[in-house]
N, C-alpha and C. Protein backbone atom coordinates (compact mmCIF):
# COMPACT_ATOMS: atom_id res chain seq x y z
N MET A 1 0.78 -1.16 0.04
CA MET A 1 0.00 0.05 -0.02
C MET A 1 0.90 1.25 0.03
N SER A 2 0.63 2.21 -0.92
CA SER A 2 1.40 3.38 -0.92
C SER A 2 1.10 4.28 0.26
N GLN A 3 1.95 5.06 0.57
CA GLN A 3 1.84 6.03 1.79
C GLN A 3 1.73 7.44 1.29
N ALA A 4 0.94 8.24 1.92
CA ALA A 4 0.84 9.64 1.66
C ALA A 4 1.12 10.42 2.87
N THR A 5 1.59 11.62 2.77
CA THR A 5 1.90 12.50 3.87
C THR A 5 0.65 13.38 4.09
N PHE A 6 0.34 13.60 5.38
CA PHE A 6 -0.84 14.36 5.80
C PHE A 6 -0.25 15.38 6.73
N SER A 7 -0.42 16.65 6.36
CA SER A 7 0.10 17.83 7.13
C SER A 7 -1.02 18.69 7.62
N ILE A 8 -1.06 19.05 8.94
CA ILE A 8 -2.00 19.92 9.48
C ILE A 8 -1.27 20.99 10.29
N ARG A 9 -1.99 22.08 10.47
CA ARG A 9 -1.52 23.18 11.40
C ARG A 9 -2.21 23.02 12.68
N MET A 10 -1.54 23.21 13.77
CA MET A 10 -2.07 23.00 15.09
C MET A 10 -1.32 23.94 16.06
N ASP A 11 -2.00 24.49 17.00
CA ASP A 11 -1.44 25.30 17.98
C ASP A 11 -0.34 24.50 18.69
N ASP A 12 0.84 25.10 18.88
CA ASP A 12 2.02 24.38 19.40
C ASP A 12 1.69 23.76 20.83
N ALA A 13 1.10 24.36 21.71
CA ALA A 13 0.69 23.91 22.98
C ALA A 13 -0.17 22.71 22.89
N LEU A 14 -1.14 22.75 22.04
CA LEU A 14 -2.04 21.63 21.77
C LEU A 14 -1.26 20.47 21.18
N LYS A 15 -0.37 20.72 20.30
CA LYS A 15 0.46 19.64 19.68
C LYS A 15 1.27 18.93 20.81
N LYS A 16 1.88 19.66 21.63
CA LYS A 16 2.72 19.07 22.77
C LYS A 16 1.78 18.32 23.67
N GLN A 17 0.53 18.75 23.96
CA GLN A 17 -0.28 17.99 24.85
C GLN A 17 -0.76 16.69 24.10
N PHE A 18 -1.05 16.82 22.80
CA PHE A 18 -1.55 15.66 22.03
C PHE A 18 -0.33 14.61 21.90
N ASP A 19 0.91 15.09 21.68
CA ASP A 19 1.97 14.15 21.62
C ASP A 19 2.10 13.40 23.03
N THR A 20 2.03 14.07 24.06
CA THR A 20 2.07 13.45 25.37
C THR A 20 1.00 12.44 25.60
N LEU A 21 -0.21 12.88 25.28
CA LEU A 21 -1.35 12.00 25.56
C LEU A 21 -1.26 10.67 24.68
N CYS A 22 -0.87 10.85 23.39
CA CYS A 22 -0.70 9.68 22.54
C CYS A 22 0.31 8.74 23.09
N GLY A 23 1.40 9.29 23.72
CA GLY A 23 2.44 8.49 24.36
C GLY A 23 1.78 7.73 25.53
N ASP A 24 0.85 8.38 26.32
CA ASP A 24 0.23 7.70 27.38
C ASP A 24 -0.62 6.58 26.88
N PHE A 25 -1.20 6.71 25.71
CA PHE A 25 -1.92 5.60 25.02
C PHE A 25 -1.07 4.50 24.59
N GLY A 26 0.26 4.80 24.48
CA GLY A 26 1.24 3.81 23.92
C GLY A 26 1.27 3.83 22.41
N MET A 27 1.01 4.99 21.84
CA MET A 27 1.03 5.10 20.39
C MET A 27 1.65 6.40 19.97
N THR A 28 2.14 6.53 18.72
CA THR A 28 2.58 7.72 18.16
C THR A 28 1.38 8.53 17.71
N VAL A 29 1.63 9.88 17.42
CA VAL A 29 0.57 10.69 16.85
C VAL A 29 0.05 10.21 15.55
N SER A 30 1.06 9.70 14.70
CA SER A 30 0.76 9.18 13.38
C SER A 30 -0.23 8.01 13.56
N THR A 31 0.13 7.07 14.43
CA THR A 31 -0.75 5.92 14.68
C THR A 31 -2.16 6.35 15.13
N ALA A 32 -2.23 7.29 16.08
CA ALA A 32 -3.51 7.74 16.54
C ALA A 32 -4.36 8.33 15.47
N ILE A 33 -3.74 9.17 14.59
CA ILE A 33 -4.52 9.74 13.47
C ILE A 33 -4.97 8.63 12.47
N ASN A 34 -4.08 7.71 12.21
CA ASN A 34 -4.57 6.54 11.35
C ASN A 34 -5.64 5.77 11.92
N VAL A 35 -5.58 5.40 13.22
CA VAL A 35 -6.69 4.77 13.87
C VAL A 35 -8.00 5.51 13.75
N PHE A 36 -7.83 6.83 14.00
CA PHE A 36 -9.13 7.63 13.90
C PHE A 36 -9.65 7.62 12.45
N ALA A 37 -8.80 7.84 11.47
CA ALA A 37 -9.24 7.96 10.08
C ALA A 37 -9.83 6.62 9.66
N ARG A 38 -9.31 5.49 9.96
CA ARG A 38 -9.89 4.18 9.60
C ARG A 38 -11.21 3.97 10.22
N ALA A 39 -11.37 4.30 11.47
CA ALA A 39 -12.59 4.19 12.09
C ALA A 39 -13.68 5.10 11.58
N VAL A 40 -13.35 6.37 11.28
CA VAL A 40 -14.28 7.25 10.67
C VAL A 40 -14.79 6.75 9.31
N VAL A 41 -13.90 6.30 8.52
CA VAL A 41 -14.18 5.85 7.16
C VAL A 41 -15.05 4.46 7.26
N ARG A 42 -14.65 3.59 8.15
CA ARG A 42 -15.37 2.38 8.28
C ARG A 42 -16.82 2.59 8.77
N GLU A 43 -16.95 3.50 9.76
CA GLU A 43 -18.28 3.71 10.49
C GLU A 43 -19.06 4.92 9.96
N ARG A 44 -18.33 5.69 9.14
CA ARG A 44 -18.93 6.93 8.50
C ARG A 44 -19.48 7.86 9.57
N ARG A 45 -18.75 7.95 10.68
CA ARG A 45 -19.05 8.86 11.77
C ARG A 45 -17.85 8.97 12.72
N ILE A 46 -17.90 9.85 13.65
CA ILE A 46 -16.87 9.92 14.66
C ILE A 46 -17.26 8.84 15.68
N PRO A 47 -16.61 7.67 15.65
CA PRO A 47 -17.14 6.44 16.24
C PRO A 47 -16.72 6.16 17.71
N PHE A 48 -15.79 6.87 18.27
CA PHE A 48 -15.25 6.40 19.54
C PHE A 48 -14.73 7.49 20.37
N GLU A 49 -14.54 7.19 21.65
CA GLU A 49 -13.90 8.12 22.50
C GLU A 49 -12.66 7.46 23.06
N ILE A 50 -11.53 8.18 23.06
CA ILE A 50 -10.27 7.62 23.67
C ILE A 50 -9.95 8.46 24.87
N SER A 51 -9.75 7.85 25.95
CA SER A 51 -9.42 8.59 27.21
C SER A 51 -8.23 8.03 27.90
N SER A 52 -7.72 8.86 28.72
CA SER A 52 -6.49 8.43 29.52
C SER A 52 -6.92 8.47 30.99
N PRO A 53 -6.57 7.43 31.71
CA PRO A 53 -6.93 7.46 33.18
C PRO A 53 -6.26 8.65 33.82
N ALA A 54 -6.88 9.20 34.82
CA ALA A 54 -6.28 10.31 35.60
C ALA A 54 -4.98 9.83 36.07
N LYS A 55 -4.00 10.75 36.03
CA LYS A 55 -2.63 10.39 36.55
C LYS A 55 -2.71 10.32 38.05
N PRO A 56 -2.25 9.31 38.68
CA PRO A 56 -2.26 9.25 40.14
C PRO A 56 -1.22 10.21 40.75
N GLU A 57 -1.58 10.65 41.97
CA GLU A 57 -0.68 11.43 42.61
C GLU A 57 0.61 10.68 43.11
N ILE A 58 1.74 11.19 42.78
CA ILE A 58 2.94 10.36 43.10
C ILE A 58 3.44 10.80 44.43
N THR A 59 3.59 9.91 45.39
CA THR A 59 4.14 10.25 46.68
C THR A 59 5.41 9.41 46.92
N ARG A 60 6.13 9.79 47.91
CA ARG A 60 7.37 9.11 48.25
C ARG A 60 7.05 7.66 48.72
N GLU A 61 5.97 7.53 49.47
CA GLU A 61 5.62 6.25 50.04
C GLU A 61 5.16 5.28 48.86
N GLY A 62 4.37 5.85 47.90
CA GLY A 62 3.91 5.10 46.79
C GLY A 62 5.02 4.64 45.89
N ALA A 63 6.03 5.66 45.69
CA ALA A 63 7.21 5.28 44.97
C ALA A 63 8.07 4.05 45.62
N ILE A 64 8.14 4.15 46.83
CA ILE A 64 8.86 3.10 47.63
C ILE A 64 8.10 1.79 47.52
N ARG A 65 6.81 1.83 47.61
CA ARG A 65 6.01 0.57 47.46
C ARG A 65 6.25 -0.02 45.99
N ALA A 66 6.18 0.89 45.02
CA ALA A 66 6.37 0.44 43.64
C ALA A 66 7.77 -0.17 43.44
N PHE A 67 8.81 0.51 44.01
CA PHE A 67 10.18 -0.02 43.91
C PHE A 67 10.27 -1.37 44.50
N ASN A 68 9.68 -1.51 45.75
CA ASN A 68 9.75 -2.88 46.38
C ASN A 68 8.99 -3.92 45.59
N ARG A 69 7.85 -3.55 44.95
CA ARG A 69 7.17 -4.56 44.09
C ARG A 69 8.09 -4.97 42.94
N LEU A 70 8.70 -3.97 42.34
CA LEU A 70 9.67 -4.29 41.27
C LEU A 70 10.82 -5.17 41.70
N ARG A 71 11.38 -4.80 42.91
CA ARG A 71 12.48 -5.63 43.48
C ARG A 71 12.06 -7.04 43.68
N SER A 72 10.86 -7.29 44.22
CA SER A 72 10.34 -8.60 44.50
C SER A 72 10.08 -9.36 43.18
N SER A 73 9.60 -8.64 42.21
CA SER A 73 9.36 -9.29 40.89
C SER A 73 10.66 -9.66 40.21
N ALA A 74 11.68 -8.81 40.28
CA ALA A 74 12.99 -9.14 39.76
C ALA A 74 13.56 -10.40 40.38
N LYS A 75 13.41 -10.52 41.73
CA LYS A 75 13.92 -11.61 42.42
C LYS A 75 13.18 -12.90 41.99
N THR A 76 11.84 -12.81 41.91
CA THR A 76 10.97 -13.94 41.49
C THR A 76 11.44 -14.37 40.16
N ASN A 77 11.75 -13.48 39.23
CA ASN A 77 12.02 -13.87 37.81
C ASN A 77 13.54 -13.99 37.55
N GLY A 78 14.31 -13.96 38.59
CA GLY A 78 15.77 -14.24 38.41
C GLY A 78 16.53 -13.02 37.75
N LEU A 79 15.94 -11.84 37.91
CA LEU A 79 16.62 -10.66 37.27
C LEU A 79 17.32 -9.75 38.24
N GLN A 80 17.44 -10.12 39.48
CA GLN A 80 18.03 -9.19 40.47
C GLN A 80 19.55 -8.88 40.21
N GLY A 81 20.15 -9.62 39.30
CA GLY A 81 21.59 -9.40 39.06
C GLY A 81 21.82 -8.48 37.88
N MET A 82 20.74 -7.91 37.31
CA MET A 82 20.91 -6.97 36.18
C MET A 82 21.75 -5.81 36.63
N THR A 83 22.63 -5.30 35.74
CA THR A 83 23.43 -4.17 35.98
C THR A 83 22.66 -2.95 35.49
N LEU A 84 23.14 -1.77 35.85
CA LEU A 84 22.53 -0.51 35.36
C LEU A 84 22.61 -0.43 33.86
N LYS A 85 23.72 -0.92 33.32
CA LYS A 85 23.87 -0.99 31.86
C LYS A 85 22.81 -1.87 31.24
N ASP A 86 22.56 -3.04 31.86
CA ASP A 86 21.51 -3.92 31.33
C ASP A 86 20.19 -3.32 31.38
N ILE A 87 19.88 -2.61 32.47
CA ILE A 87 18.56 -2.01 32.63
C ILE A 87 18.40 -0.86 31.56
N ASN A 88 19.43 -0.03 31.46
CA ASN A 88 19.33 1.06 30.47
C ASN A 88 19.19 0.50 29.00
N GLU A 89 19.76 -0.63 28.72
CA GLU A 89 19.65 -1.27 27.44
C GLU A 89 18.17 -1.68 27.25
N GLU A 90 17.57 -2.28 28.30
CA GLU A 90 16.16 -2.73 28.19
C GLU A 90 15.26 -1.51 27.96
N ILE A 91 15.52 -0.41 28.60
CA ILE A 91 14.74 0.78 28.47
C ILE A 91 14.89 1.32 27.00
N ARG A 92 16.14 1.26 26.51
CA ARG A 92 16.34 1.76 25.08
C ARG A 92 15.61 0.86 24.10
N LEU A 93 15.67 -0.38 24.32
CA LEU A 93 14.98 -1.36 23.43
C LEU A 93 13.41 -1.11 23.42
N THR A 94 12.89 -0.91 24.61
CA THR A 94 11.48 -0.64 24.74
C THR A 94 11.08 0.64 24.07
N ARG A 95 11.85 1.71 24.24
CA ARG A 95 11.59 3.02 23.61
C ARG A 95 11.77 2.87 22.05
N THR A 96 12.62 2.08 21.53
CA THR A 96 12.78 1.88 20.15
C THR A 96 11.62 1.17 19.54
N GLU A 97 11.09 0.19 20.33
CA GLU A 97 9.88 -0.60 19.88
C GLU A 97 8.69 0.25 19.76
N ARG A 98 8.55 1.28 20.63
CA ARG A 98 7.42 2.19 20.66
C ARG A 98 7.43 3.20 19.51
N SER A 99 8.59 3.46 19.01
CA SER A 99 8.64 4.50 18.02
C SER A 99 8.28 4.03 16.66
């Protein structure tokens, strides 16, 4: 299937918010717009609502609990020996897959 470029003008602040929200959904802006366009064409209407859960308040206690859950999970899965270099590589790979 051939590809076409779609260009729009948008307020800079709105674009930044949209970029961030699409990231919260786990997709790029391009993917979000393609999902929207396909659904509109298929259903011949604006067919759906996409929402993001409210961001939880981050507290020191909550962060410590999350860290301890991760530590326990790493131990259970035999990953407690990962180095910082290993962890950063996993993060890089995950970010590359999302792009």
